């Protein structure tokens, strides 16, 4: 993963939960609007829920990186 991708993920992790959902919804909407229209908000919510495990894994990975960074700062 590129460093810019990692920075985006780190900044995403800092967002409040509501804003994370809004960003994820917009990404999904834009991704699928090129191929087909999303019928309704319920369909979008179902699609978002299908990515929940991956999102959680990425968030936990980001928190581990953040924790390591804090540890390094404390040592310095």
Protein backbone atom coordinates (compact mmCIF):
# COMPACT_ATOMS: atom_id res chain seq x y z
CA UNK A 1 0.00 0.00 0.00
CA UNK A 2 1.40 3.42 -0.89
CA UNK A 3 2.20 5.95 1.79
CA UNK A 4 -0.51 8.30 0.51
CA UNK A 5 -3.07 5.50 0.81
CA UNK A 6 -1.92 4.87 4.35
CA UNK A 7 -2.28 8.57 5.18
CA UNK A 8 -5.83 8.59 3.81
CA UNK A 9 -6.70 5.54 5.91
CA UNK A 10 -5.17 7.14 9.02
CA UNK A 11 -7.13 10.35 8.51
CA UNK A 12 -10.29 8.31 7.86
CA UNK A 13 -9.77 6.51 11.18
CA UNK A 14 -9.80 9.86 12.99
CA UNK A 15 -13.27 10.76 11.71
CA UNK A 16 -16.31 10.39 13.97
CA UNK A 17 -18.38 7.28 13.17
CA UNK A 18 -21.16 9.26 11.46
CA UNK A 19 -18.70 10.96 9.12
CA UNK A 20 -17.03 7.62 8.34
CA UNK A 21 -20.41 6.27 7.25
CA UNK A 22 -21.05 9.34 5.11
CA UNK A 23 -17.66 9.06 3.41
CA UNK A 24 -18.09 5.32 2.85
CA UNK A 25 -21.58 5.89 1.46
CA UNK A 26 -20.29 8.51 -0.95
CA UNK A 27 -17.45 6.27 -2.12
CA UNK A 28 -19.86 3.41 -2.72
CA UNK A 29 -22.35 5.72 -4.45
CA UNK A 30 -19.72 7.10 -6.80
CA UNK A 31 -18.23 3.68 -7.49
CA UNK A 32 -21.51 2.08 -8.44
CA UNK A 33 -23.08 5.11 -10.12
CA UNK A 34 -20.74 4.57 -13.05
CA UNK A 35 -22.12 1.08 -13.58
CA UNK A 36 -25.66 1.31 -12.30
CA UNK A 37 -27.85 3.36 -10.03
CA UNK A 38 -28.39 2.39 -6.43
CA UNK A 39 -32.10 1.91 -5.95
CA UNK A 40 -32.46 3.30 -2.46
CA UNK A 41 -30.81 4.05 0.87
CA UNK A 42 -31.59 0.53 2.17
CA UNK A 43 -29.59 -0.99 -0.67
CA UNK A 44 -26.70 1.36 0.10
CA UNK A 45 -26.83 0.40 3.79
CA UNK A 46 -26.73 -3.29 2.88
CA UNK A 47 -23.71 -2.72 0.68
CA UNK A 48 -21.96 -0.74 3.43
CA UNK A 49 -22.69 -3.50 5.95
CA UNK A 50 -21.12 -6.06 3.62
CA UNK A 51 -17.80 -4.22 3.98
CA UNK A 52 -18.02 -3.91 7.77
CA UNK A 53 -15.50 -6.71 8.52
CA UNK A 54 -12.88 -5.27 6.20
CA UNK A 55 -13.49 -1.78 7.59
CA UNK A 56 -13.05 -3.07 11.13
CA UNK A 57 -9.82 -4.85 10.23
CA UNK A 58 -8.44 -1.70 8.60
CA UNK A 59 -9.46 0.42 11.58
CA UNK A 60 -7.78 -1.95 14.02
CA UNK A 61 -4.64 -1.98 11.91
CA UNK A 62 -4.68 1.81 11.90
CA UNK A 63 -5.07 1.92 15.68
CA UNK A 64 -2.12 -0.42 16.10
CA UNK A 65 0.01 1.88 13.91
CA UNK A 66 -1.21 4.88 15.89
CA UNK A 67 -0.34 3.16 19.18
CA UNK A 68 3.15 2.33 17.92
CA UNK A 69 3.60 5.95 16.87
CA UNK A 70 2.62 7.17 20.32
CA UNK A 71 5.05 4.74 21.92
CA UNK A 72 7.87 6.03 19.70
CA UNK A 73 6.99 9.62 20.65
CA UNK A 74 6.99 8.73 24.36
CA UNK A 75 10.45 7.19 24.07
CA UNK A 76 11.89 10.27 22.37
